[in-house]
Amino acid sequence: MSYNELELQVVRWAEARGIIQNSDAKTQLLKAVSEMGELADAVNKKDMAGIKDGVGDVLVCLINVCAILDISLTDCLSGAYNEIKDRKGYLTKDGVFVKEAA
């Protein structure tokens, strides 16, 4: 199944349960933040099954946010990529990204 088909299935699932119609972007975003906490916990524990579940849960919430706001998650990702694609720099061992001077 392609990403677009899977995203549509998630939206249909959420619509069938009244999530898109009866929720709002703020509620779904708060749910995504909660799921991010679970994901962080799984990463900390190196729990690969939990990591996969957490990433999926966060994506479902973000898909719901986008469906509620009638925007495309793919368009959001594309826009973010277009902003960063030409950035030059590197990540230090301490986790700090150092931008290369233009």
N, C-alpha and C. Protein backbone atom coordinates (compact mmCIF):
# COMPACT_ATOMS: atom_id res chain seq x y z
N MET A 1 0.85 -1.18 0.00
CA MET A 1 0.00 0.00 0.00
C MET A 1 0.90 1.24 0.00
N SER A 2 0.56 2.21 -0.83
CA SER A 2 1.35 3.45 -0.89
C SER A 2 1.05 4.32 0.33
N TYR A 3 1.93 5.29 0.56
CA TYR A 3 1.70 6.20 1.68
C TYR A 3 0.36 6.92 1.52
N ASN A 4 0.07 7.41 0.32
CA ASN A 4 -1.18 8.15 0.10
C ASN A 4 -2.41 7.28 0.38
N GLU A 5 -2.35 6.02 -0.04
CA GLU A 5 -3.46 5.11 0.24
C GLU A 5 -3.60 4.87 1.74
N LEU A 6 -2.50 4.70 2.41
CA LEU A 6 -2.52 4.46 3.85
C LEU A 6 -3.04 5.69 4.59
N GLU A 7 -2.60 6.88 4.18
CA GLU A 7 -3.10 8.11 4.79
C GLU A 7 -4.62 8.21 4.63
N LEU A 8 -5.12 7.90 3.44
CA LEU A 8 -6.56 7.94 3.19
C LEU A 8 -7.29 6.94 4.09
N GLN A 9 -6.71 5.76 4.29
CA GLN A 9 -7.33 4.77 5.18
C GLN A 9 -7.41 5.30 6.61
N VAL A 10 -6.36 5.98 7.06
CA VAL A 10 -6.37 6.56 8.41
C VAL A 10 -7.47 7.61 8.52
N VAL A 11 -7.59 8.47 7.51
CA VAL A 11 -8.63 9.51 7.53
C VAL A 11 -10.01 8.86 7.54
N ARG A 12 -10.21 7.86 6.72
CA ARG A 12 -11.52 7.17 6.69
C ARG A 12 -11.81 6.52 8.05
N TRP A 13 -10.79 5.91 8.66
CA TRP A 13 -10.96 5.31 9.99
C TRP A 13 -11.38 6.37 10.99
N ALA A 14 -10.70 7.52 10.96
CA ALA A 14 -11.00 8.60 11.90
C ALA A 14 -12.39 9.19 11.65
N GLU A 15 -12.77 9.31 10.38
CA GLU A 15 -14.11 9.82 10.06
C GLU A 15 -15.19 8.86 10.55
N ALA A 16 -14.96 7.57 10.38
CA ALA A 16 -15.94 6.57 10.80
C ALA A 16 -16.16 6.58 12.31
N ARG A 17 -15.18 7.07 13.04
CA ARG A 17 -15.28 7.12 14.50
C ARG A 17 -15.61 8.52 15.01
N GLY A 18 -15.91 9.44 14.10
CA GLY A 18 -16.29 10.79 14.48
C GLY A 18 -15.14 11.68 14.92
N ILE A 19 -13.90 11.21 14.74
CA ILE A 19 -12.75 11.99 15.19
C ILE A 19 -12.59 13.27 14.37
N ILE A 20 -12.68 13.15 13.06
CA ILE A 20 -12.49 14.32 12.20
C ILE A 20 -13.63 15.33 12.42
N GLN A 21 -14.86 14.83 12.51
CA GLN A 21 -16.02 15.71 12.63
C GLN A 21 -16.16 16.32 14.03
N ASN A 22 -15.78 15.59 15.06
CA ASN A 22 -16.07 16.02 16.43
C ASN A 22 -14.86 16.44 17.24
N SER A 23 -13.69 16.36 16.66
CA SER A 23 -12.48 16.78 17.37
C SER A 23 -12.03 18.10 16.79
N ASP A 24 -10.91 18.57 17.26
CA ASP A 24 -10.31 19.77 16.68
C ASP A 24 -8.80 19.58 16.63
N ALA A 25 -8.14 20.48 15.92
CA ALA A 25 -6.70 20.35 15.73
C ALA A 25 -5.96 20.38 17.05
N LYS A 26 -6.41 21.24 17.98
CA LYS A 26 -5.74 21.35 19.28
C LYS A 26 -5.79 20.03 20.04
N THR A 27 -6.94 19.40 20.06
CA THR A 27 -7.10 18.12 20.77
C THR A 27 -6.21 17.05 20.15
N GLN A 28 -6.19 16.99 18.83
CA GLN A 28 -5.36 15.99 18.16
C GLN A 28 -3.88 16.29 18.35
N LEU A 29 -3.51 17.55 18.39
CA LEU A 29 -2.12 17.92 18.64
C LEU A 29 -1.71 17.52 20.05
N LEU A 30 -2.58 17.75 21.03
CA LEU A 30 -2.28 17.33 22.40
C LEU A 30 -2.12 15.82 22.48
N LYS A 31 -2.94 15.10 21.72
CA LYS A 31 -2.81 13.64 21.67
C LYS A 31 -1.46 13.26 21.06
N ALA A 32 -1.04 13.98 20.02
CA ALA A 32 0.25 13.71 19.39
C ALA A 32 1.39 13.94 20.38
N VAL A 33 1.29 14.99 21.19
CA VAL A 33 2.32 15.27 22.19
C VAL A 33 2.38 14.14 23.21
N SER A 34 1.23 13.65 23.62
CA SER A 34 1.17 12.52 24.55
C SER A 34 1.84 11.30 23.94
N GLU A 35 1.54 11.05 22.67
CA GLU A 35 2.14 9.91 21.97
C GLU A 35 3.64 10.11 21.81
N MET A 36 4.09 11.37 21.65
CA MET A 36 5.53 11.64 21.57
C MET A 36 6.21 11.26 22.87
N GLY A 37 5.54 11.50 24.00
CA GLY A 37 6.09 11.09 25.29
C GLY A 37 6.28 9.59 25.35
N GLU A 38 5.29 8.85 24.88
CA GLU A 38 5.41 7.39 24.85
C GLU A 38 6.53 6.95 23.92
N LEU A 39 6.66 7.64 22.79
CA LEU A 39 7.73 7.34 21.84
C LEU A 39 9.09 7.61 22.48
N ALA A 40 9.22 8.73 23.17
CA ALA A 40 10.49 9.06 23.83
C ALA A 40 10.84 7.99 24.86
N ASP A 41 9.85 7.53 25.59
CA ASP A 41 10.08 6.49 26.58
C ASP A 41 10.57 5.20 25.90
N ALA A 42 9.95 4.85 24.79
CA ALA A 42 10.35 3.65 24.06
C ALA A 42 11.77 3.79 23.52
N VAL A 43 12.12 4.97 23.01
CA VAL A 43 13.48 5.20 22.51
C VAL A 43 14.47 5.07 23.65
N ASN A 44 14.13 5.66 24.78
CA ASN A 44 15.00 5.59 25.95
C ASN A 44 15.25 4.15 26.38
N LYS A 45 14.23 3.32 26.27
CA LYS A 45 14.33 1.91 26.67
C LYS A 45 14.84 1.02 25.54
N LYS A 46 15.06 1.62 24.36
CA LYS A 46 15.49 0.86 23.17
C LYS A 46 14.50 -0.26 22.84
N ASP A 47 13.22 0.05 23.03
CA ASP A 47 12.11 -0.88 22.77
C ASP A 47 11.63 -0.68 21.34
N MET A 48 12.16 -1.48 20.41
CA MET A 48 11.87 -1.28 19.00
C MET A 48 10.39 -1.41 18.67
N ALA A 49 9.69 -2.36 19.30
CA ALA A 49 8.25 -2.49 19.06
C ALA A 49 7.52 -1.23 19.54
N GLY A 50 7.92 -0.71 20.68
CA GLY A 50 7.33 0.52 21.21
C GLY A 50 7.64 1.72 20.35
N ILE A 51 8.85 1.75 19.79
CA ILE A 51 9.25 2.84 18.91
C ILE A 51 8.37 2.84 17.66
N LYS A 52 8.22 1.69 17.05
CA LYS A 52 7.39 1.59 15.84
C LYS A 52 5.95 1.98 16.14
N ASP A 53 5.42 1.51 17.25
CA ASP A 53 4.06 1.85 17.65
C ASP A 53 3.94 3.35 17.89
N GLY A 54 4.92 3.93 18.58
CA GLY A 54 4.89 5.35 18.89
C GLY A 54 4.96 6.23 17.66
N VAL A 55 5.84 5.90 16.74
CA VAL A 55 5.94 6.67 15.50
C VAL A 55 4.61 6.60 14.74
N GLY A 56 4.05 5.41 14.66
CA GLY A 56 2.76 5.25 13.99
C GLY A 56 1.67 6.06 14.65
N ASP A 57 1.61 6.02 15.99
CA ASP A 57 0.58 6.76 16.71
C ASP A 57 0.72 8.27 16.50
N VAL A 58 1.96 8.77 16.51
CA VAL A 58 2.18 10.20 16.27
C VAL A 58 1.72 10.56 14.86
N LEU A 59 2.05 9.73 13.89
CA LEU A 59 1.64 10.00 12.51
C LEU A 59 0.13 10.01 12.37
N VAL A 60 -0.56 9.08 13.02
CA VAL A 60 -2.03 9.06 12.98
C VAL A 60 -2.58 10.39 13.50
N CYS A 61 -2.05 10.85 14.61
CA CYS A 61 -2.52 12.13 15.18
C CYS A 61 -2.24 13.29 14.23
N LEU A 62 -1.08 13.31 13.61
CA LEU A 62 -0.74 14.39 12.68
C LEU A 62 -1.61 14.33 11.43
N ILE A 63 -1.89 13.13 10.96
CA ILE A 63 -2.82 12.98 9.82
C ILE A 63 -4.19 13.53 10.20
N ASN A 64 -4.63 13.25 11.44
CA ASN A 64 -5.92 13.77 11.89
C ASN A 64 -5.91 15.30 11.96
N VAL A 65 -4.82 15.89 12.47
CA VAL A 65 -4.70 17.35 12.51
C VAL A 65 -4.86 17.91 11.11
N CYS A 66 -4.14 17.33 10.17
CA CYS A 66 -4.19 17.82 8.79
C CYS A 66 -5.58 17.64 8.18
N ALA A 67 -6.24 16.52 8.45
CA ALA A 67 -7.58 16.30 7.90
C ALA A 67 -8.57 17.31 8.47
N ILE A 68 -8.45 17.59 9.76
CA ILE A 68 -9.34 18.57 10.39
C ILE A 68 -9.13 19.95 9.80
N LEU A 69 -7.88 20.31 9.52
CA LEU A 69 -7.55 21.63 8.98
C LEU A 69 -7.61 21.68 7.45
N ASP A 70 -7.93 20.53 6.83
CA ASP A 70 -8.01 20.40 5.37
C ASP A 70 -6.72 20.82 4.69
N ILE A 71 -5.61 20.30 5.23
CA ILE A 71 -4.30 20.49 4.60
C ILE A 71 -3.67 19.11 4.40
N SER A 72 -2.68 19.05 3.57
CA SER A 72 -2.03 17.79 3.24
C SER A 72 -0.75 17.61 4.06
N LEU A 73 -0.65 16.48 4.75
CA LEU A 73 0.56 16.17 5.49
C LEU A 73 1.75 16.09 4.53
N THR A 74 1.52 15.54 3.35
CA THR A 74 2.59 15.44 2.35
C THR A 74 3.06 16.83 1.92
N ASP A 75 2.12 17.76 1.76
CA ASP A 75 2.50 19.13 1.41
C ASP A 75 3.31 19.78 2.53
N CYS A 76 2.93 19.50 3.79
CA CYS A 76 3.67 20.04 4.93
C CYS A 76 5.11 19.50 4.93
N LEU A 77 5.23 18.20 4.72
CA LEU A 77 6.55 17.57 4.69
C LEU A 77 7.37 18.11 3.52
N SER A 78 6.75 18.26 2.38
CA SER A 78 7.43 18.80 1.20
C SER A 78 7.93 20.22 1.47
N GLY A 79 7.10 21.03 2.09
CA GLY A 79 7.50 22.40 2.42
C GLY A 79 8.68 22.43 3.37
N ALA A 80 8.64 21.56 4.39
CA ALA A 80 9.75 21.50 5.35
C ALA A 80 11.03 21.04 4.66
N TYR A 81 10.91 20.04 3.80
CA TYR A 81 12.09 19.56 3.08
C TYR A 81 12.67 20.65 2.19
N ASN A 82 11.79 21.38 1.51
CA ASN A 82 12.28 22.45 0.63
C ASN A 82 13.01 23.53 1.41
N GLU A 83 12.64 23.75 2.67
CA GLU A 83 13.35 24.72 3.51
C GLU A 83 14.74 24.23 3.92
N ILE A 84 14.88 22.92 4.14
CA ILE A 84 16.15 22.41 4.67
C ILE A 84 17.08 21.80 3.63
N LYS A 85 16.56 21.49 2.45
CA LYS A 85 17.32 20.70 1.49
C LYS A 85 18.67 21.29 1.09
N ASP A 86 18.78 22.59 1.12
CA ASP A 86 20.03 23.21 0.71
C ASP A 86 20.89 23.67 1.88
N ARG A 87 20.46 23.38 3.09
CA ARG A 87 21.25 23.76 4.26
C ARG A 87 22.55 22.96 4.30
N LYS A 88 23.58 23.63 4.65
CA LYS A 88 24.89 22.99 4.78
C LYS A 88 25.30 23.06 6.24
N GLY A 89 25.97 22.04 6.69
CA GLY A 89 26.43 22.01 8.06
C GLY A 89 26.62 20.58 8.52
N TYR A 90 26.77 20.43 9.83
CA TYR A 90 27.00 19.10 10.38
C TYR A 90 26.52 19.05 11.82
N LEU A 91 26.31 17.84 12.31
CA LEU A 91 25.91 17.62 13.69
C LEU A 91 27.14 17.20 14.49
N THR A 92 27.39 17.90 15.58
CA THR A 92 28.54 17.56 16.42
C THR A 92 28.23 16.32 17.25
N LYS A 93 29.26 15.78 17.88
CA LYS A 93 29.07 14.62 18.75
C LYS A 93 28.18 14.95 19.94
N ASP A 94 28.06 16.25 20.26
CA ASP A 94 27.20 16.69 21.36
C ASP A 94 25.76 16.93 20.92
N GLY A 95 25.48 16.68 19.65
CA GLY A 95 24.11 16.83 19.16
C GLY A 95 23.74 18.24 18.75
N VAL A 96 24.73 19.09 18.50
CA VAL A 96 24.47 20.46 18.09
C VAL A 96 24.70 20.57 16.59
N PHE A 97 23.69 21.10 15.86
CA PHE A 97 23.86 21.29 14.42
C PHE A 97 24.55 22.63 14.19
N VAL A 98 25.66 22.58 13.49
CA VAL A 98 26.44 23.78 13.18
C VAL A 98 26.21 24.11 11.72
N LYS A 99 25.55 25.27 11.47
CA LYS A 99 25.28 25.68 10.10
C LYS A 99 26.57 26.18 9.46
N GLU A 100 26.75 25.79 8.22
CA GLU A 100 27.90 26.27 7.45
C GLU A 100 27.59 27.69 6.99
N ALA A 101 28.55 28.59 7.07
CA ALA A 101 28.36 29.96 6.64
C ALA A 101 28.04 30.00 5.15
N ALA A 102 27.13 30.87 4.80
CA ALA A 102 26.72 30.98 3.39
C ALA A 102 27.72 31.71 2.55
